[in-house]
C-alpha atoms as a PDB file:
ATOM      1  CA  MET A   1     -40.674  52.873 -31.148  1.00  0.00           C
ATOM      2  CA  THR A   2     -39.881  51.040 -34.512  1.00  0.00           C
ATOM      3  CA  SER A   3     -36.457  52.471 -36.177  1.00  0.00           C
ATOM      4  CA  ALA A   4     -37.325  53.215 -39.961  1.00  0.00           C
ATOM      5  CA  VAL A   5     -35.486  50.367 -42.345  1.00  0.00           C
ATOM      6  CA  ARG A   6     -32.543  51.741 -44.676  1.00  0.00           C
ATOM      7  CA  PRO A   7     -33.269  50.132 -48.465  1.00  0.00           C
ATOM      8  CA  THR A   8     -30.704  48.311 -49.040  1.00  0.00           C
ATOM      9  CA  ARG A   9     -28.453  49.831 -51.631  1.00  0.00           C
ATOM     10  CA  THR A  10     -27.965  47.530 -54.864  1.00  0.00           C
ATOM     11  CA  LEU A  11     -24.365  47.106 -56.972  1.00  0.00           C
ATOM     12  CA  ALA A  12     -26.627  48.657 -59.770  1.00  0.00           C
ATOM     13  CA  ASP A  13     -27.132  51.823 -57.197  1.00  0.00           C
ATOM     14  CA  ARG A  14     -23.146  52.176 -56.055  1.00  0.00           C
ATOM     15  CA  LEU A  15     -22.026  52.425 -59.709  1.00  0.00           C
ATOM     16  CA  THR A  16     -24.986  54.955 -60.606  1.00  0.00           C
ATOM     17  CA  THR A  17     -23.885  56.763 -57.818  1.00  0.00           C
ATOM     18  CA  ILE A  18     -19.877  56.347 -58.922  1.00  0.00           C
ATOM     19  CA  PHE A  19     -20.373  57.372 -62.297  1.00  0.00           C
ATOM     20  CA  TRP A  20     -22.344  60.290 -61.498  1.00  0.00           C
ATOM     21  CA  ARG A  21     -20.133  61.894 -58.946  1.00  0.00           C
ATOM     22  CA  LYS A  22     -17.084  60.806 -61.363  1.00  0.00           C
ATOM     23  CA  PRO A  23     -18.013  61.712 -65.367  1.00  0.00           C
ATOM     24  CA  GLY A  24     -15.042  61.211 -66.856  1.00  0.00           C
ATOM     25  CA  LEU A  25     -15.021  57.290 -65.525  1.00  0.00           C
ATOM     26  CA  LEU A  26     -17.643  57.001 -67.353  1.00  0.00           C
ATOM     27  CA  LEU A  27     -16.796  58.389 -70.420  1.00  0.00           C
ATOM     28  CA  LEU A  28     -13.380  56.358 -69.916  1.00  0.00           C
ATOM     29  CA  LEU A  29     -15.154  53.224 -69.899  1.00  0.00           C
ATOM     30  CA  LEU A  30     -17.439  53.990 -72.880  1.00  0.00           C
ATOM     31  CA  ILE A  31     -14.867  54.967 -75.366  1.00  0.00           C
ATOM     32  CA  THR A  32     -12.622  52.264 -74.189  1.00  0.00           C
ATOM     33  CA  PRO A  33     -13.736  49.967 -76.398  1.00  0.00           C
ATOM     34  CA  PRO A  34     -13.984  51.842 -79.405  1.00  0.00           C
ATOM     35  CA  LEU A  35      -9.999  53.081 -78.876  1.00  0.00           C
ATOM     36  CA  LEU A  36      -8.962  49.614 -78.490  1.00  0.00           C
ATOM     37  CA  TRP A  37     -10.639  48.274 -82.501  1.00  0.00           C
ATOM     38  CA  LEU A  38      -9.401  51.488 -83.209  1.00  0.00           C
ATOM     39  CA  GLY A  39      -5.785  51.539 -82.092  1.00  0.00           C
ATOM     40  CA  VAL A  40      -5.080  47.273 -82.129  1.00  0.00           C
ATOM     41  CA  VAL A  41      -6.840  46.603 -84.994  1.00  0.00           C
ATOM     42  CA  TYR A  42      -7.539  48.953 -88.019  1.00  0.00           C
ATOM     43  CA  LEU A  43      -4.216  51.274 -86.610  1.00  0.00           C
ATOM     44  CA  GLY A  44      -2.447  48.126 -85.871  1.00  0.00           C
ATOM     45  CA  SER A  45      -3.339  46.666 -89.433  1.00  0.00           C
ATOM     46  CA  LEU A  46      -2.223  49.784 -91.435  1.00  0.00           C
ATOM     47  CA  ALA A  47       0.732  49.833 -88.983  1.00  0.00           C
ATOM     48  CA  ALA A  48       2.090  46.132 -89.938  1.00  0.00           C
ATOM     49  CA  LEU A  49       1.411  47.093 -93.599  1.00  0.00           C
ATOM     50  CA  LEU A  50       3.663  49.897 -93.474  1.00  0.00           C
ATOM     51  CA  LEU A  51       6.251  47.536 -92.318  1.00  0.00           C
ATOM     52  CA  GLN A  52       5.966  45.200 -94.722  1.00  0.00           C
ATOM     53  CA  SER A  53       6.111  47.887 -97.318  1.00  0.00           C
ATOM     54  CA  PHE A  54       9.940  48.362 -96.023  1.00  0.00           C
ATOM     55  CA  TYR A  55      10.819  44.695 -96.773  1.00  0.00           C
ATOM     56  CA  SER A  56      11.609  43.417-100.188  1.00  0.00           C
ATOM     57  CA  ILE A  57      11.510  40.121-101.546  1.00  0.00           C
ATOM     58  CA  ASP A  58      14.696  37.579-102.762  1.00  0.00           C
ATOM     59  CA  GLU A  59      14.561  37.484-106.254  1.00  0.00           C
ATOM     60  CA  PHE A  60      16.123  33.632-106.530  1.00  0.00           C
ATOM     61  CA  SER A  61      14.061  32.403-103.422  1.00  0.00           C
ATOM     62  CA  GLY A  62      11.281  34.783-103.898  1.00  0.00           C
ATOM     63  CA  LEU A  63      10.874  34.693 -99.677  1.00  0.00           C
ATOM     64  CA  VAL A  64      10.777  38.292 -97.953  1.00  0.00           C
ATOM     65  CA  VAL A  65      13.452  39.658 -96.484  1.00  0.00           C
ATOM     66  CA  ARG A  66      12.967  41.280 -93.617  1.00  0.00           C
ATOM     67  CA  GLU A  67      15.229  44.044 -93.599  1.00  0.00           C
ATOM     68  CA  PHE A  68      14.689  47.622 -93.881  1.00  0.00           C
ATOM     69  CA  THR A  69      14.914  49.137 -97.659  1.00  0.00           C
ATOM     70  CA  LEU A  70      13.445  51.182 -99.600  1.00  0.00           C
ATOM     71  CA  LYS A  71      13.967  48.939-102.616  1.00  0.00           C
ATOM     72  CA  THR A  72      10.513  47.975-102.880  1.00  0.00           C
ATOM     73  CA  TYR A  73       9.048  51.857-103.026  1.00  0.00           C
ATOM     74  CA  ALA A  74      11.553  52.047-106.087  1.00  0.00           C
ATOM     75  CA  GLU A  75      10.057  49.495-107.593  1.00  0.00           C
ATOM     76  CA  LEU A  76       7.392  51.540-107.409  1.00  0.00           C
ATOM     77  CA  LEU A  77       9.096  54.027-110.047  1.00  0.00           C
ATOM     78  CA  ARG A  78       8.851  51.392-113.085  1.00  0.00           C
ATOM     79  CA  PRO A  79       7.360  52.126-115.998  1.00  0.00           C
ATOM     80  CA  SER A  80       4.842  49.560-115.560  1.00  0.00           C
ATOM     81  CA  ASN A  81       4.328  50.169-111.671  1.00  0.00           C
ATOM     82  CA  TYR A  82       4.074  54.096-112.666  1.00  0.00           C
ATOM     83  CA  ASP A  83       1.137  54.033-115.204  1.00  0.00           C
ATOM     84  CA  VAL A  84      -0.378  51.512-113.026  1.00  0.00           C
ATOM     85  CA  ILE A  85      -0.788  54.830-110.433  1.00  0.00           C
ATOM     86  CA  LEU A  86      -0.963  57.196-113.489  1.00  0.00           C
ATOM     87  CA  ARG A  87      -4.166  55.050-114.580  1.00  0.00           C
ATOM     88  CA  THR A  88      -5.647  55.346-111.132  1.00  0.00           C
ATOM     89  CA  LEU A  89      -5.064  58.508-110.561  1.00  0.00           C
ATOM     90  CA  ALA A  90      -6.662  59.768-113.628  1.00  0.00           C
ATOM     91  CA  MET A  91      -9.458  57.613-113.193  1.00  0.00           C
ATOM     92  CA  ALA A  92     -10.239  59.197-109.589  1.00  0.00           C
ATOM     93  CA  ILE A  93     -10.115  62.529-110.763  1.00  0.00           C
ATOM     94  CA  ALA A  94     -12.681  61.986-114.406  1.00  0.00           C
ATOM     95  CA  VAL A  95     -14.701  59.985-111.967  1.00  0.00           C
ATOM     96  CA  THR A  96     -14.855  62.553-109.032  1.00  0.00           C
ATOM     97  CA  ALA A  97     -15.456  65.666-112.272  1.00  0.00           C
ATOM     98  CA  ALA A  98     -17.819  63.852-113.844  1.00  0.00           C
ATOM     99  CA  SER A  99     -19.799  62.775-110.087  1.00  0.00           C
ATOM    100  CA  ALA A 100     -19.603  66.692-109.547  1.00  0.00           C
ATOM    101  CA  ILE A 101     -21.073  67.835-112.061  1.00  0.00           C
ATOM    102  CA  ALA A 102     -24.265  65.404-112.351  1.00  0.00           C
ATOM    103  CA  ALA A 103     -24.462  65.714-108.582  1.00  0.00           C
ATOM    104  CA  PHE A 104     -25.481  69.051-108.682  1.00  0.00           C
ATOM    105  CA  PRO A 105     -28.068  69.930-110.302  1.00  0.00           C
ATOM    106  CA  ILE A 106     -29.903  67.058-108.211  1.00  0.00           C
ATOM    107  CA  ALA A 107     -28.951  68.384-105.054  1.00  0.00           C
ATOM    108  CA  TYR A 108     -29.854  72.201-105.765  1.00  0.00           C
ATOM    109  CA  TYR A 109     -33.074  70.561-106.630  1.00  0.00           C
ATOM    110  CA  ALA A 110     -33.562  68.621-103.421  1.00  0.00           C
ATOM    111  CA  ALA A 111     -32.502  71.766-101.716  1.00  0.00           C
ATOM    112  CA  ARG A 112     -34.174  74.322-102.799  1.00  0.00           C
ATOM    113  CA  TYR A 113     -37.596  72.444-104.265  1.00  0.00           C
ATOM    114  CA  ALA A 114     -37.835  69.622-102.518  1.00  0.00           C
ATOM    115  CA  ARG A 115     -39.974  69.673-100.170  1.00  0.00           C
ATOM    116  CA  GLY A 116     -42.388  66.750 -97.883  1.00  0.00           C
ATOM    117  CA  ARG A 117     -42.987  63.731 -99.839  1.00  0.00           C
ATOM    118  CA  TRP A 118     -40.818  65.118-102.424  1.00  0.00           C
ATOM    119  CA  LYS A 119     -38.054  65.309-100.522  1.00  0.00           C
ATOM    120  CA  ALA A 120     -38.477  61.646 -98.970  1.00  0.00           C
ATOM    121  CA  ALA A 121     -38.809  60.431-101.939  1.00  0.00           C
ATOM    122  CA  PHE A 122     -35.769  62.242-103.323  1.00  0.00           C
ATOM    123  CA  TYR A 123     -33.356  60.414-100.550  1.00  0.00           C
ATOM    124  CA  LEU A 124     -35.229  57.398-100.871  1.00  0.00           C
ATOM    125  CA  GLY A 125     -33.873  57.563-105.031  1.00  0.00           C
ATOM    126  CA  ILE A 126     -30.743  58.505-104.170  1.00  0.00           C
ATOM    127  CA  MET A 127     -30.059  55.393-100.967  1.00  0.00           C
ATOM    128  CA  LEU A 128     -31.656  52.488-102.970  1.00  0.00           C
ATOM    129  CA  PRO A 129     -29.077  51.860-104.928  1.00  0.00           C
ATOM    130  CA  LEU A 130     -27.081  51.876-101.891  1.00  0.00           C
ATOM    131  CA  TRP A 131     -29.360  48.947-100.391  1.00  0.00           C
ATOM    132  CA  SER A 132     -28.333  46.527-103.108  1.00  0.00           C
ATOM    133  CA  SER A 133     -25.817  44.165-103.658  1.00  0.00           C
ATOM    134  CA  TYR A 134     -22.676  45.982-104.487  1.00  0.00           C
ATOM    135  CA  LEU A 135     -21.399  43.108-107.193  1.00  0.00           C
ATOM    136  CA  VAL A 136     -25.316  42.466-108.362  1.00  0.00           C
ATOM    137  CA  LYS A 137     -25.152  46.173-109.482  1.00  0.00           C
ATOM    138  CA  VAL A 138     -21.729  45.848-111.055  1.00  0.00           C
ATOM    139  CA  TYR A 139     -22.332  42.607-113.134  1.00  0.00           C
ATOM    140  CA  ALA A 140     -26.039  44.123-114.227  1.00  0.00           C
ATOM    141  CA  TRP A 141     -23.601  47.195-116.002  1.00  0.00           C
ATOM    142  CA  LYS A 142     -21.500  44.626-117.882  1.00  0.00           C
ATOM    143  CA  LEU A 143     -24.775  43.341-119.194  1.00  0.00           C
ATOM    144  CA  ILE A 144     -26.015  46.913-119.896  1.00  0.00           C
ATOM    145  CA  LEU A 145     -23.041  47.755-121.373  1.00  0.00           C
ATOM    146  CA  ALA A 146     -22.006  44.615-124.177  1.00  0.00           C
ATOM    147  CA  LYS A 147     -22.037  44.737-126.968  1.00  0.00           C
ATOM    148  CA  GLU A 148     -25.268  42.890-127.522  1.00  0.00           C
ATOM    149  CA  GLY A 149     -26.715  44.546-124.235  1.00  0.00           C
ATOM    150  CA  ILE A 150     -29.867  46.897-123.948  1.00  0.00           C
ATOM    151  CA  LEU A 151     -27.732  50.052-124.907  1.00  0.00           C
ATOM    152  CA  THR A 152     -26.354  48.847-127.773  1.00  0.00           C
ATOM    153  CA  TRP A 153     -29.876  48.154-128.956  1.00  0.00           C
ATOM    154  CA  ALA A 154     -31.326  50.976-127.919  1.00  0.00           C
ATOM    155  CA  ALA A 155     -28.867  52.917-129.955  1.00  0.00           C
ATOM    156  CA  THR A 156     -29.269  50.785-132.978  1.00  0.00           C
ATOM    157  CA  ALA A 157     -33.115  51.690-132.845  1.00  0.00           C
ATOM    158  CA  THR A 158     -32.559  55.220-132.033  1.00  0.00           C
ATOM    159  CA  HIS A 159     -30.059  55.568-135.104  1.00  0.00           C
ATOM    160  CA  THR A 160     -27.485  56.811-132.990  1.00  0.00           C
ATOM    161  CA  GLY A 161     -25.285  53.645-133.219  1.00  0.00           C
ATOM    162  CA  TRP A 162     -22.470  56.155-134.265  1.00  0.00           C
ATOM    163  CA  LEU A 163     -21.982  57.726-131.344  1.00  0.00           C
ATOM    164  CA  ILE A 164     -20.896  54.304-129.780  1.00  0.00           C
ATOM    165  CA  ASP A 165     -18.602  53.627-132.396  1.00  0.00           C
ATOM    166  CA  ALA A 166     -17.450  56.711-132.514  1.00  0.00           C
ATOM    167  CA  ALA A 167     -16.719  56.746-128.571  1.00  0.00           C
ATOM    168  CA  LEU A 168     -15.093  53.512-128.912  1.00  0.00           C
ATOM    169  CA  GLN A 169     -12.891  54.467-131.619  1.00  0.00           C
ATOM    170  CA  LEU A 170     -11.194  57.911-129.073  1.00  0.00           C
ATOM    171  CA  PRO A 171      -7.751  56.570-128.987  1.00  0.00           C
ATOM    172  CA  GLY A 172      -6.575  55.374-125.398  1.00  0.00           C
ATOM    173  CA  ILE A 173      -9.991  55.137-123.763  1.00  0.00           C
ATOM    174  CA  GLY A 174     -12.235  53.136-126.420  1.00  0.00           C
ATOM    175  CA  GLY A 175     -12.485  49.602-127.068  1.00  0.00           C
ATOM    176  CA  ASN A 176     -14.309  46.683-128.727  1.00  0.00           C
ATOM    177  CA  SER A 177     -17.317  47.868-126.698  1.00  0.00           C
ATOM    178  CA  LEU A 178     -18.122  49.142-123.782  1.00  0.00           C
ATOM    179  CA  SER A 179     -17.811  46.776-121.598  1.00  0.00           C
ATOM    180  CA  THR A 180     -14.277  46.137-122.396  1.00  0.00           C
ATOM    181  CA  SER A 181     -13.202  49.954-122.408  1.00  0.00           C
ATOM    182  CA  TYR A 182     -11.815  52.722-120.113  1.00  0.00           C
ATOM    183  CA  ILE A 183     -15.274  54.412-121.072  1.00  0.00           C
ATOM    184  CA  GLY A 184     -17.281  51.530-119.613  1.00  0.00           C
ATOM    185  CA  THR A 185     -15.120  51.325-116.378  1.00  0.00           C
ATOM    186  CA  PHE A 186     -15.578  55.086-115.738  1.00  0.00           C
ATOM    187  CA  LEU A 187     -19.714  54.821-116.563  1.00  0.00           C
ATOM    188  CA  VAL A 188     -19.590  52.320-113.817  1.00  0.00           C
ATOM    189  CA  PHE A 189     -17.677  54.339-111.106  1.00  0.00           C
ATOM    190  CA  THR A 190     -19.854  57.324-111.763  1.00  0.00           C
ATOM    191  CA  TYR A 191     -22.734  55.251-111.264  1.00  0.00           C
ATOM    192  CA  VAL A 192     -21.629  53.583-108.322  1.00  0.00           C
ATOM    193  CA  TRP A 193     -19.951  56.335-106.248  1.00  0.00           C
ATOM    194  CA  LEU A 194     -23.092  59.366-107.297  1.00  0.00           C
ATOM    195  CA  PRO A 195     -24.801  58.973-104.371  1.00  0.00           C
ATOM    196  CA  TYR A 196     -21.967  59.989-102.050  1.00  0.00           C
ATOM    197  CA  MET A 197     -21.405  63.365-103.556  1.00  0.00           C
ATOM    198  CA  ILE A 198     -25.281  63.983-104.150  1.00  0.00           C
ATOM    199  CA  LEU A 199     -25.418  63.525-100.461  1.00  0.00           C
ATOM    200  CA  PRO A 200     -22.825  66.086 -99.161  1.00  0.00           C
ATOM    201  CA  MET A 201     -23.721  68.340-101.928  1.00  0.00           C
ATOM    202  CA  GLN A 202     -27.399  68.458-101.472  1.00  0.00           C
ATOM    203  CA  ALA A 203     -26.625  69.185 -97.105  1.00  0.00           C
ATOM    204  CA  SER A 204     -24.215  71.865 -98.125  1.00  0.00           C
ATOM    205  CA  LEU A 205     -26.459  73.696-100.467  1.00  0.00           C
ATOM    206  CA  GLU A 206     -29.112  73.509 -98.016  1.00  0.00           C
ATOM    207  CA  ARG A 207     -27.484  76.011 -95.905  1.00  0.00           C
ATOM    208  CA  VAL A 208     -27.042  78.504 -98.639  1.00  0.00           C
ATOM    209  CA  PRO A 209     -29.656  81.221 -97.159  1.00  0.00           C
ATOM    210  CA  THR A 210     -32.265  82.329 -99.783  1.00  0.00           C
ATOM    211  CA  THR A 211     -31.653  85.649 -98.635  1.00  0.00           C
ATOM    212  CA  MET A 212     -28.407  86.141-100.309  1.00  0.00           C
ATOM    213  CA  LEU A 213     -29.670  84.623-103.187  1.00  0.00           C
ATOM    214  CA  GLU A 214     -32.177  87.856-103.312  1.00  0.00           C
ATOM    215  CA  ALA A 215     -29.668  90.332-102.148  1.00  0.00           C
ATOM    216  CA  SER A 216     -27.988  89.274-105.418  1.00  0.00           C
ATOM    217  CA  ALA A 217     -30.934  89.482-107.795  1.00  0.00           C
ATOM    218  CA  ASP A 218     -31.492  93.023-106.480  1.00  0.00           C
ATOM    219  CA  LEU A 219     -28.563  94.096-106.927  1.00  0.00           C
ATOM    220  CA  GLY A 220     -28.772  93.929-110.492  1.00  0.00           C
ATOM    221  CA  ALA A 221     -26.930  90.203-111.217  1.00  0.00           C
ATOM    222  CA  THR A 222     -28.057  87.809-113.099  1.00  0.00           C
ATOM    223  CA  ALA A 223     -28.941  84.082-112.374  1.00  0.00           C
ATOM    224  CA  ALA A 224     -25.264  83.041-113.963  1.00  0.00           C
ATOM    225  CA  GLN A 225     -23.723  85.307-111.824  1.00  0.00           C
ATOM    226  CA  THR A 226     -24.911  84.380-108.841  1.00  0.00           C
ATOM    227  CA  PHE A 227     -24.356  81.009-109.244  1.00  0.00           C
ATOM    228  CA  ARG A 228     -20.979  82.201-109.443  1.00  0.00           C
ATOM    229  CA  THR A 229     -20.188  83.896-107.161  1.00  0.00           C
ATOM    230  CA  VAL A 230     -22.672  83.133-104.716  1.00  0.00           C
ATOM    231  CA  THR A 231     -24.146  79.369-105.295  1.00  0.00           C
ATOM    232  CA  LEU A 232     -21.045  77.987-106.087  1.00  0.00           C
ATOM    233  CA  PRO A 233     -18.381  79.537-102.918  1.00  0.00           C
ATOM    234  CA  LEU A 234     -20.780  78.274-100.449  1.00  0.00           C
ATOM    235  CA  ALA A 235     -21.590  74.707-101.806  1.00  0.00           C
ATOM    236  CA  LEU A 236     -17.758  74.213-102.352  1.00  0.00           C
ATOM    237  CA  PRO A 237     -16.928  72.462 -98.955  1.00  0.00           C
ATOM    238  CA  GLY A 238     -19.910  70.180-100.016  1.00  0.00           C
ATOM    239  CA  ILE A 239     -18.813  69.288-103.129  1.00  0.00           C
ATOM    240  CA  ILE A 240     -15.152  68.606-101.687  1.00  0.00           C
ATOM    241  CA  ALA A 241     -16.521  66.247 -99.282  1.00  0.00           C
ATOM    242  CA  GLY A 242     -18.688  64.501-101.726  1.00  0.00           C
ATOM    243  CA  SER A 243     -14.967  64.317-103.731  1.00  0.00           C
ATOM    244  CA  ILE A 244     -13.587  62.526-100.894  1.00  0.00           C
ATOM    245  CA  PHE A 245     -15.642  59.346-100.913  1.00  0.00           C
ATOM    246  CA  THR A 246     -16.029  59.077-105.028  1.00  0.00           C
ATOM    247  CA  PHE A 247     -11.838  60.052-105.054  1.00  0.00           C
ATOM    248  CA  SER A 248     -11.148  58.076-102.036  1.00  0.00           C
ATOM    249  CA  LEU A 249     -13.150  54.386-103.155  1.00  0.00           C
ATOM    250  CA  THR A 250     -12.010  54.790-106.690  1.00  0.00           C
ATOM    251  CA  LEU A 251      -8.270  54.837-106.015  1.00  0.00           C
ATOM    252  CA  GLY A 252      -8.875  51.616-103.413  1.00  0.00           C
ATOM    253  CA  ASP A 253     -11.279  50.057-105.414  1.00  0.00           C
ATOM    254  CA  TYR A 254     -10.221  46.806-107.744  1.00  0.00           C
ATOM    255  CA  ILE A 255     -13.732  45.142-108.397  1.00  0.00           C
ATOM    256  CA  ILE A 256     -15.043  47.437-111.204  1.00  0.00           C
ATOM    257  CA  PRO A 257     -12.334  47.558-112.912  1.00  0.00           C
ATOM    258  CA  SER A 258     -11.493  43.308-113.181  1.00  0.00           C
ATOM    259  CA  ILE A 259     -15.209  43.025-114.313  1.00  0.00           C
ATOM    260  CA  ILE A 260     -15.527  45.736-116.422  1.00  0.00           C
ATOM    261  CA  GLY A 261     -12.373  47.662-118.549  1.00  0.00           C
ATOM    262  CA  THR A 262      -9.811  46.172-120.238  1.00  0.00           C
ATOM    263  CA  SER A 263      -7.215  44.084-118.514  1.00  0.00           C
ATOM    264  CA  ALA A 264      -4.540  46.601-117.759  1.00  0.00           C
ATOM    265  CA  SER A 265      -4.180  47.207-113.902  1.00  0.00           C
ATOM    266  CA  PHE A 266      -5.308  49.752-111.355  1.00  0.00           C
ATOM    267  CA  ILE A 267      -3.543  49.999-107.814  1.00  0.00           C
ATOM    268  CA  GLY A 268      -6.211  48.058-106.417  1.00  0.00           C
ATOM    269  CA  MET A 269      -6.264  45.442-108.937  1.00  0.00           C
ATOM    270  CA  ALA A 270      -2.492  45.217-108.483  1.00  0.00           C
ATOM    271  CA  VAL A 271      -2.563  45.286-104.588  1.00  0.00           C
ATOM    272  CA  TYR A 272      -4.679  42.168-104.787  1.00  0.00           C
ATOM    273  CA  GLN A 273      -2.528  40.302-107.371  1.00  0.00           C
ATOM    274  CA  LEU A 274       0.808  40.613-105.821  1.00  0.00           C
ATOM    275  CA  GLN A 275      -0.518  39.754-102.681  1.00  0.00           C
ATOM    276  CA  GLY A 276      -2.397  36.736-103.758  1.00  0.00           C
ATOM    277  CA  THR A 277      -1.326  35.419-106.858  1.00  0.00           C
ATOM    278  CA  ALA A 278       2.419  37.028-107.091  1.00  0.00           C
ATOM    279  CA  GLY A 279       2.917  36.194-103.510  1.00  0.00           C
ATOM    280  CA  ASN A 280       4.894  39.537-103.848  1.00  0.00           C
ATOM    281  CA  VAL A 281       3.660  41.080-100.343  1.00  0.00           C
ATOM    282  CA  PRO A 282       6.390  43.617 -99.751  1.00  0.00           C
ATOM    283  CA  LEU A 283       5.003  45.657-103.240  1.00  0.00           C
ATOM    284  CA  ALA A 284       1.542  44.777-102.508  1.00  0.00           C
ATOM    285  CA  ALA A 285       2.305  47.008 -98.951  1.00  0.00           C
ATOM    286  CA  ALA A 286       3.760  49.752-101.350  1.00  0.00           C
ATOM    287  CA  PHE A 287       0.997  50.206-103.527  1.00  0.00           C
ATOM    288  CA  ALA A 288      -1.163  50.321-100.869  1.00  0.00           C
ATOM    289  CA  VAL A 289       0.567  53.353 -99.310  1.00  0.00           C
ATOM    290  CA  VAL A 290       0.370  54.998-102.259  1.00  0.00           C
ATOM    291  CA  PRO A 291      -3.446  56.039-102.096  1.00  0.00           C
ATOM    292  CA  ILE A 292      -3.421  56.260 -97.966  1.00  0.00           C
ATOM    293  CA  VAL A 293      -0.191  59.261 -99.080  1.00  0.00           C
ATOM    294  CA  ILE A 294      -2.404  60.375-101.898  1.00  0.00           C
ATOM    295  CA  MET A 295      -5.722  60.792 -99.345  1.00  0.00           C
ATOM    296  CA  LEU A 296      -3.801  62.278 -96.591  1.00  0.00           C
ATOM    297  CA  ILE A 297      -2.550  65.090 -98.710  1.00  0.00           C
ATOM    298  CA  TYR A 298      -5.860  65.296-100.392  1.00  0.00           C
ATOM    299  CA  LEU A 299      -7.902  65.410 -96.380  1.00  0.00           C
ATOM    300  CA  THR A 300      -5.258  67.872 -96.049  1.00  0.00           C
ATOM    301  CA  LEU A 301      -6.511  70.519 -98.451  1.00  0.00           C
ATOM    302  CA  ALA A 302      -9.960  69.469 -98.569  1.00  0.00           C
ATOM    303  CA  ARG A 303      -9.583  70.498 -94.138  1.00  0.00           C
ATOM    304  CA  LYS A 304      -8.373  73.689 -95.275  1.00  0.00           C
ATOM    305  CA  ALA A 305     -11.317  74.786 -97.430  1.00  0.00           C
ATOM    306  CA  GLY A 306     -13.827  73.535 -95.091  1.00  0.00           C
ATOM    307  CA  ALA A 307     -15.075  70.709 -96.810  1.00  0.00           C
ATOM    308  CA  PHE A 308     -15.679  68.400 -93.160  1.00  0.00           C
ATOM    309  CA  ASP A 309     -18.498  71.203 -92.133  1.00  0.00           C
ATOM    310  CA  ALA A 310     -20.535  69.761 -94.650  1.00  0.00           C
ATOM    311  CA  LEU A 311     -20.001  66.712 -93.479  1.00  0.00           C
END
């Protein structure tokens, strides 16, 4: 009488059995690599940055004094440094507001009326600029906004050049040309970050039930009243979610202000110049902490408003 041959279990079979019996072990093995990357590389670099901000620079030798002090943060309150923070914050607020205003009708049309191929065309049109090179887009806009650029040529051809001249004469934001003014910086920032506002807003508007809009109309509300009391409050989480991207990206960007606009510094430019040319790493780190603190406050308020539900 022959006995049945017991199949040999391979290592893969044994591991499968172990992971089936202990699913927590499998989860631990899967999340350990990203947690190490997040904890060591990302959070570790932020911790090192925060540590550097509590050091100072010796005024005579130019060397970093590795002693705990708040002297570097006090330097942020100097008029020249304080102006950099206010300038960056004002630009971020303006870009975020303009992006929300420009994005809303686009997102509303895509959420309510675009169907099938038109919806695919919408996503393609929004995502296509994100696939091109960031620097190419910025330098292209520099040529567009230049005094001899296509925008000036079009304004001259349509006899509307006086509008550009009037804008450039505005105190504080004007300049010799759009490419060397705050207006040009604002336009390029808005163009580059606009898709990050449209997509969360469109996702939020799609969740607004059509029945609520119909009920508002049945109760006698006008289109404006329906928008103010129904559509806008329900779309607000998406607007806040989009503003997280536009606001934070504007706060930290240094490429656009260094290529387009005046010679005035923004936070990103100050960090780049201080840690590179000037060699003042503690002050650069202190500047870098400013957007982090601002965004932590902003994210806390956004979370309370339910913005993360639209991400």
